[in-house]
Amino acid sequence: MFDHPLFAPATLAGRPLRTRLVLPPMASGTGSEAGHVTDATIAHYQRIVGANHGLAFVEYTYVIDHGRSEPNQLGLTGDHHVAGLSRLAAAIRATGALPGIQLTHAGAKTDAALAGRTPLGASALPVPAHGGDMPAPEPMTAAQAAEVAEAFVAAAVRAEAAGFGAIEIHAAHGYFFNQWLSPLTNQRTGAHGGSLAYRARLLLGVVARLRAVLKPETIIAVRFPGQDRLPGGLTVADGSWLAEQLVARGVDVLDVSSGLGGWRRGRDQRGEGYLVADAAALRAAVGVSVIGVGGVATLDYAREALRDVDFLAVGRAVLTNPAWPLPAEAVAA
């Protein structure tokens, strides 16, 4: 339909994709109170996954009950969630896009009413948020951290069985794994604190497990920050090291987004593609496929960005106009 690199066929980890356009995971608030897919969830994705998407990620889906961060969030905590997610994966696949799903745990970025208990974090340190820091969480025990890691693996296996061809671990935006990675929220000692190599152990262990238990053709993605963009947080050098370690353990594509500072974006982080430079730097340094994100809204910018990244995620523009890049009235007519 379009003579544009964004709509050219692509291959990711041996899987053919019809375009380089990615639908990023975006919360819809359409799940049931128990985290199940509803008819409204199906209708939402049928509305926003269009004829041009190559890969479409379902919104962040919690893997254990105390990891939820908002009401009506989708969950994947047991077999009871699989039937609905199978319907959703099939609906996305019917559009011609490869269905993916993002798995998450809120960590300290939630409240007791949603989590059903005092929120848990790497350390008793608050997560930066709009208008101030969130309440300090209860530090996780080693056993609790291991339980969450196992929940990610179990959820990924269920997601694959439900028909999702790509599994993404959410390690950005100040959620669970970002909290363990960043020195601003992880000041533990022992096996999971101190140097970045220790702070990253939990995430790297989960990725290695996924590569061992998932089918070879299932794409493993990690959404993680190229940097925290807060003083004392994860740096560009940290992002490069993490990228190398993730790829070494079997990650196929890095979805490079914001870190703990995402809620406190400065004026220099505005406009189209404000995070694409981070993805491009990691691609050049590590040689891994990357997804560029951050306010992409026009085809002119997309053409420029695809010189430096492999795929582009377009979120808000598609939510506003599911016909993007056509004008909305072109489809409505």
Protein backbone atom coordinates (compact mmCIF):
# COMPACT_ATOMS: atom_id res chain seq x y z
CA MET A 1 0.00 0.00 0.00
CA PHE A 2 2.87 2.38 0.83
CA ASP A 3 6.26 2.76 -0.83
CA HIS A 4 8.03 3.25 2.46
CA PRO A 5 10.64 1.24 4.41
CA LEU A 6 8.27 1.00 7.40
CA PHE A 7 5.98 -1.19 5.30
CA ALA A 8 8.67 -3.35 3.74
CA PRO A 9 8.75 -7.07 4.68
CA ALA A 10 11.20 -7.98 7.42
CA THR A 11 12.56 -10.99 9.26
CA LEU A 12 13.04 -11.22 13.01
CA ALA A 13 14.86 -14.23 14.46
CA GLY A 14 13.91 -16.20 11.36
CA ARG A 15 10.22 -15.25 11.60
CA PRO A 16 8.85 -13.35 8.59
CA LEU A 17 7.00 -10.14 9.40
CA ARG A 18 4.99 -8.36 6.77
CA THR A 19 6.23 -4.90 7.85
CA ARG A 20 8.57 -3.14 10.28
CA LEU A 21 5.66 -1.44 12.05
CA VAL A 22 5.16 -2.61 15.64
CA LEU A 23 2.18 -2.01 17.89
CA PRO A 24 3.72 -1.41 21.32
CA PRO A 25 2.10 -2.73 24.51
CA MET A 26 -0.39 -0.14 25.77
CA ALA A 27 -2.80 -0.62 28.66
CA SER A 28 -6.43 -0.74 27.57
CA GLY A 29 -8.22 -1.19 30.91
CA THR A 30 -10.52 -3.75 29.29
CA GLY A 31 -9.70 -6.83 31.38
CA SER A 32 -12.03 -8.25 34.00
CA GLU A 33 -11.41 -7.67 37.70
CA ALA A 34 -9.72 -11.09 37.74
CA GLY A 35 -7.47 -10.22 34.79
CA HIS A 36 -9.36 -12.15 32.12
CA VAL A 37 -9.69 -11.12 28.47
CA THR A 38 -13.17 -9.73 27.80
CA ASP A 39 -15.16 -9.09 24.63
CA ALA A 40 -14.09 -5.45 25.04
CA THR A 41 -10.43 -6.56 24.97
CA ILE A 42 -10.95 -8.45 21.71
CA ALA A 43 -12.80 -5.50 20.17
CA HIS A 44 -10.06 -3.08 21.27
CA TYR A 45 -7.31 -5.03 19.53
CA GLN A 46 -9.41 -5.67 16.46
CA ARG A 47 -9.79 -1.90 16.28
CA ILE A 48 -6.13 -0.93 16.65
CA VAL A 49 -4.23 -3.78 14.96
CA GLY A 50 -4.42 -2.83 11.32
CA ALA A 51 -3.44 -4.26 7.97
CA ASN A 52 0.03 -2.73 8.23
CA HIS A 53 1.36 -4.14 11.50
CA GLY A 54 4.11 -6.73 11.36
CA LEU A 55 4.23 -7.40 15.10
CA ALA A 56 1.55 -6.45 17.63
CA PHE A 57 2.16 -6.63 21.37
CA VAL A 58 -0.66 -7.14 23.85
CA GLU A 59 -0.49 -4.79 26.80
CA TYR A 60 1.48 -5.43 29.99
CA THR A 61 0.11 -8.56 31.64
CA TYR A 62 0.85 -9.38 35.27
CA VAL A 63 2.38 -12.77 36.08
CA ILE A 64 1.50 -12.97 39.78
CA ASP A 65 -1.34 -11.35 41.70
CA HIS A 66 0.78 -8.97 43.78
CA GLY A 67 2.37 -7.72 40.57
CA ARG A 68 -0.69 -5.94 39.18
CA SER A 69 -0.52 -2.17 38.87
CA GLU A 70 -3.99 -1.08 37.79
CA PRO A 71 -7.60 -2.26 37.86
CA ASN A 72 -8.82 -4.26 34.86
CA GLN A 73 -5.28 -5.15 33.85
CA LEU A 74 -4.81 -8.42 31.97
CA GLY A 75 -3.26 -11.26 33.94
CA LEU A 76 -1.54 -14.54 33.18
CA THR A 77 -1.17 -16.12 36.59
CA GLY A 78 -2.58 -19.56 35.81
CA ASP A 79 -4.24 -21.80 33.26
CA HIS A 80 -7.56 -20.05 33.86
CA HIS A 81 -6.26 -17.05 31.90
CA VAL A 82 -5.15 -19.05 28.85
CA ALA A 83 -8.47 -19.50 27.02
CA GLY A 84 -9.16 -15.79 26.80
CA LEU A 85 -5.62 -14.98 25.73
CA SER A 86 -5.84 -17.70 23.09
CA ARG A 87 -8.88 -15.90 21.66
CA LEU A 88 -6.94 -12.65 21.68
CA ALA A 89 -3.85 -14.12 20.01
CA ALA A 90 -6.04 -15.65 17.31
CA ALA A 91 -7.81 -12.34 16.71
CA ILE A 92 -4.47 -10.57 16.23
CA ARG A 93 -3.11 -13.32 14.00
CA ALA A 94 -6.23 -13.04 11.83
CA THR A 95 -5.15 -9.49 10.93
CA GLY A 96 -1.88 -10.83 9.50
CA ALA A 97 0.29 -9.53 12.35
CA LEU A 98 2.41 -11.74 14.58
CA PRO A 99 0.88 -11.62 18.08
CA GLY A 100 3.19 -10.81 20.97
CA ILE A 101 2.53 -10.25 24.65
CA GLN A 102 4.35 -8.26 27.31
CA LEU A 103 4.75 -9.83 30.76
CA THR A 104 5.21 -7.66 33.81
CA HIS A 105 5.32 -7.24 37.57
CA ALA A 106 4.77 -3.82 39.12
CA GLY A 107 7.20 -4.29 41.98
CA ALA A 108 6.93 -1.14 44.10
CA LYS A 109 5.09 0.76 41.37
CA THR A 110 1.62 -0.07 42.70
CA ASP A 111 -0.38 0.21 45.91
CA ALA A 112 -1.60 -2.20 48.55
CA ALA A 113 -5.20 -2.13 47.31
CA LEU A 114 -4.17 -3.40 43.89
CA ALA A 115 -1.39 -5.72 45.04
CA GLY A 116 -3.40 -7.23 47.87
CA ARG A 117 -0.46 -6.63 50.22
CA THR A 118 2.28 -4.10 50.90
CA PRO A 119 4.07 -3.59 47.57
CA LEU A 120 7.39 -5.40 47.21
CA GLY A 121 10.62 -4.00 45.79
CA ALA A 122 14.32 -4.71 45.56
CA SER A 123 15.00 -2.31 48.45
CA ALA A 124 12.92 -0.06 50.71
CA LEU A 125 13.41 2.80 48.26
CA PRO A 126 10.61 4.71 46.52
CA VAL A 127 10.11 4.67 42.76
CA PRO A 128 10.14 8.13 41.13
CA ALA A 129 6.67 9.11 39.91
CA HIS A 130 4.58 12.06 38.79
CA GLY A 131 4.39 14.67 41.52
CA GLY A 132 6.83 12.92 43.84
CA ASP A 133 8.01 9.48 44.83
CA MET A 134 5.73 6.53 45.47
CA PRO A 135 5.67 5.01 48.99
CA ALA A 136 8.70 2.93 49.87
CA PRO A 137 8.06 -0.81 49.37
CA GLU A 138 8.87 -3.77 51.54
CA PRO A 139 12.18 -5.32 50.44
CA MET A 140 11.74 -8.72 48.84
CA THR A 141 13.25 -11.80 50.38
CA ALA A 142 15.33 -14.05 48.15
CA ALA A 143 12.48 -16.57 48.20
CA GLN A 144 9.96 -13.96 47.08
CA ALA A 145 12.22 -12.83 44.24
CA ALA A 146 12.66 -16.43 43.12
CA GLU A 147 8.89 -16.92 43.19
CA VAL A 148 8.39 -13.95 40.88
CA ALA A 149 11.10 -15.19 38.51
CA GLU A 150 9.34 -18.56 38.33
CA ALA A 151 6.04 -16.77 37.66
CA PHE A 152 7.56 -15.02 34.64
CA VAL A 153 8.77 -18.33 33.22
CA ALA A 154 5.43 -20.08 33.82
CA ALA A 155 3.52 -17.17 32.27
CA ALA A 156 5.76 -17.21 29.19
CA VAL A 157 5.14 -20.93 28.68
CA ARG A 158 1.39 -20.35 28.96
CA ALA A 159 1.57 -17.41 26.56
CA GLU A 160 3.37 -19.50 23.99
CA ALA A 161 0.73 -22.22 24.36
CA ALA A 162 -1.95 -19.55 23.87
CA GLY A 163 -0.51 -18.73 20.44
CA PHE A 164 1.76 -15.77 21.01
CA GLY A 165 4.81 -15.83 18.76
CA ALA A 166 6.74 -13.19 20.70
CA ILE A 167 7.18 -12.91 24.46
CA GLU A 168 8.40 -9.60 25.87
CA ILE A 169 9.70 -9.12 29.41
CA HIS A 170 9.00 -5.64 30.75
CA ALA A 171 12.17 -4.32 32.36
CA ALA A 172 11.58 -0.61 31.76
CA HIS A 173 9.35 2.26 32.93
CA GLY A 174 10.25 1.82 36.58
CA TYR A 175 8.59 -1.57 36.97
CA PHE A 176 9.91 -4.68 38.74
CA PHE A 177 13.06 -5.52 36.77
CA ASN A 178 13.94 -1.86 36.23
CA GLN A 179 13.82 -1.49 40.03
CA TRP A 180 16.30 -4.35 40.43
CA LEU A 181 18.59 -3.02 37.71
CA SER A 182 18.80 0.59 38.86
CA PRO A 183 21.11 1.64 41.71
CA LEU A 184 18.47 4.23 42.64
CA THR A 185 16.03 1.51 43.73
CA ASN A 186 18.34 -1.43 44.43
CA GLN A 187 20.83 -0.97 47.23
CA ARG A 188 20.84 -4.58 48.36
CA THR A 189 23.92 -6.51 49.31
CA GLY A 190 24.53 -10.13 48.43
CA ALA A 191 23.62 -12.03 45.29
CA HIS A 192 21.32 -9.38 43.77
CA GLY A 193 22.87 -6.09 44.86
CA GLY A 194 26.00 -4.05 44.44
CA SER A 195 27.49 -4.08 40.95
CA LEU A 196 25.32 -4.07 37.84
CA ALA A 197 26.31 -7.67 37.19
CA TYR A 198 24.66 -8.62 40.49
CA ARG A 199 21.66 -6.30 40.10
CA ALA A 200 20.99 -7.82 36.68
CA ARG A 201 21.13 -11.44 37.84
CA LEU A 202 17.37 -11.81 38.30
CA LEU A 203 16.49 -10.54 34.81
CA LEU A 204 19.32 -12.40 33.08
CA GLY A 205 18.36 -15.61 34.85
CA VAL A 206 14.76 -15.33 33.67
CA VAL A 207 15.85 -14.69 30.08
CA ALA A 208 18.16 -17.69 30.10
CA ARG A 209 15.33 -19.86 31.45
CA LEU A 210 12.96 -18.63 28.74
CA ARG A 211 15.41 -19.47 25.99
CA ALA A 212 15.75 -22.96 27.44
CA VAL A 213 12.03 -23.71 27.77
CA LEU A 214 10.41 -21.86 24.87
CA LYS A 215 10.37 -23.10 21.30
CA PRO A 216 13.33 -21.98 19.18
CA GLU A 217 11.01 -20.05 16.87
CA THR A 218 9.40 -18.06 19.70
CA ILE A 219 10.80 -14.54 19.71
CA ILE A 220 12.12 -13.29 23.04
CA ALA A 221 12.06 -9.53 23.49
CA VAL A 222 13.00 -7.36 26.45
CA ARG A 223 11.74 -3.82 26.87
CA PHE A 224 14.46 -2.13 28.85
CA PRO A 225 15.96 1.33 29.29
CA GLY A 226 19.00 2.47 27.41
CA GLN A 227 19.51 4.63 30.52
CA ASP A 228 17.50 5.83 33.53
CA ARG A 229 17.92 9.54 32.76
CA LEU A 230 18.12 10.36 36.45
CA PRO A 231 21.28 11.35 38.34
CA GLY A 232 22.87 8.26 39.84
CA GLY A 233 20.72 5.90 37.79
CA LEU A 234 21.48 3.54 34.91
CA THR A 235 23.87 5.08 32.38
CA VAL A 236 24.42 4.65 28.65
CA ALA A 237 27.38 2.39 29.44
CA ASP A 238 25.14 0.30 31.70
CA GLY A 239 22.62 0.00 28.87
CA SER A 240 25.27 -1.28 26.48
CA TRP A 241 26.48 -3.85 28.99
CA LEU A 242 22.93 -5.03 29.65
CA ALA A 243 22.22 -5.31 25.94
CA GLU A 244 25.28 -7.53 25.45
CA GLN A 245 24.28 -9.77 28.34
CA LEU A 246 20.67 -10.08 27.22
CA VAL A 247 21.67 -11.02 23.69
CA ALA A 248 24.19 -13.55 24.99
CA ARG A 249 21.34 -15.29 26.84
CA GLY A 250 19.06 -15.52 23.85
CA VAL A 251 17.14 -12.25 23.46
CA ASP A 252 16.17 -11.71 19.83
CA VAL A 253 15.16 -8.05 19.90
CA LEU A 254 15.54 -5.16 22.32
CA ASP A 255 12.60 -2.80 22.71
CA VAL A 256 14.50 0.24 23.96
CA SER A 257 12.36 2.54 26.07
CA SER A 258 12.64 4.74 29.15
CA GLY A 259 13.85 3.96 32.65
CA LEU A 260 13.04 5.30 36.09
CA GLY A 261 13.17 8.84 34.73
CA GLY A 262 10.39 8.19 32.22
CA TRP A 263 7.83 9.92 34.41
CA ARG A 264 10.09 12.95 34.72
CA ARG A 265 11.03 13.60 31.11
CA GLY A 266 12.98 16.78 30.55
CA ARG A 267 12.35 19.24 27.78
CA ASP A 268 15.11 17.65 25.72
CA GLN A 269 13.08 14.44 25.59
CA ARG A 270 10.23 15.73 23.48
CA GLY A 271 9.13 15.44 19.89
CA GLU A 272 9.22 12.45 17.58
CA GLY A 273 11.58 9.61 18.36
CA TYR A 274 12.88 10.96 21.65
CA LEU A 275 14.13 7.45 22.58
CA VAL A 276 15.24 6.26 19.13
CA ALA A 277 18.81 7.50 19.63
CA ASP A 278 19.20 5.13 22.60
CA ALA A 279 18.05 2.19 20.48
CA ALA A 280 20.33 3.20 17.62
CA ALA A 281 23.36 3.41 19.93
CA LEU A 282 22.73 -0.09 21.28
CA ARG A 283 22.22 -1.50 17.80
CA ALA A 284 25.56 -0.03 16.72
CA ALA A 285 27.37 -1.21 19.85
CA VAL A 286 25.93 -4.70 20.18
CA GLY A 287 24.69 -5.59 16.70
CA VAL A 288 21.24 -6.66 17.90
CA SER A 289 17.85 -6.01 16.31
CA VAL A 290 16.16 -3.08 18.05
CA ILE A 291 12.72 -1.50 18.19
CA GLY A 292 12.73 2.29 18.28
CA VAL A 293 10.00 4.05 20.26
CA GLY A 294 9.00 7.46 21.50
CA GLY A 295 6.27 9.61 20.00
CA VAL A 296 6.67 8.48 16.37
CA ALA A 297 3.84 10.13 14.44
CA THR A 298 4.83 10.82 10.82
CA LEU A 299 6.10 8.82 7.87
CA ASP A 300 8.81 11.40 7.18
CA TYR A 301 10.32 10.82 10.59
CA ALA A 302 9.86 7.04 10.31
CA ARG A 303 11.88 6.96 7.08
CA GLU A 304 14.72 8.79 8.79
CA ALA A 305 14.63 6.62 11.93
CA LEU A 306 14.71 3.34 10.03
CA ARG A 307 18.24 4.15 8.92
CA ASP A 308 19.29 3.50 12.52
CA VAL A 309 16.79 0.99 13.95
CA ASP A 310 15.19 -2.19 12.61
CA PHE A 311 11.58 -1.68 13.69
CA LEU A 312 9.46 1.23 14.84
CA ALA A 313 6.71 1.13 17.44
CA VAL A 314 3.89 3.61 16.90
CA GLY A 315 1.54 3.85 19.87
CA ARG A 316 -0.35 7.05 20.63
CA ALA A 317 -0.80 7.92 16.97
CA VAL A 318 -2.45 4.54 16.35
CA LEU A 319 -4.65 4.80 19.44
CA THR A 320 -5.85 8.16 18.20
CA ASN A 321 -6.26 6.96 14.62
CA PRO A 322 -6.22 3.18 14.02
CA ALA A 323 -6.05 3.92 10.27
CA TRP A 324 -2.61 5.52 10.70
CA PRO A 325 -0.85 6.56 8.49
CA LEU A 326 -4.00 7.03 6.43
CA PRO A 327 -6.33 9.77 7.59
CA ALA A 328 -9.07 8.43 9.85
CA GLU A 329 -11.79 9.42 7.41
CA ALA A 330 -10.25 7.26 4.69
CA VAL A 331 -11.22 4.10 6.58
CA ALA A 332 -14.40 5.50 8.08
CA ALA A 333 -15.64 6.18 4.56
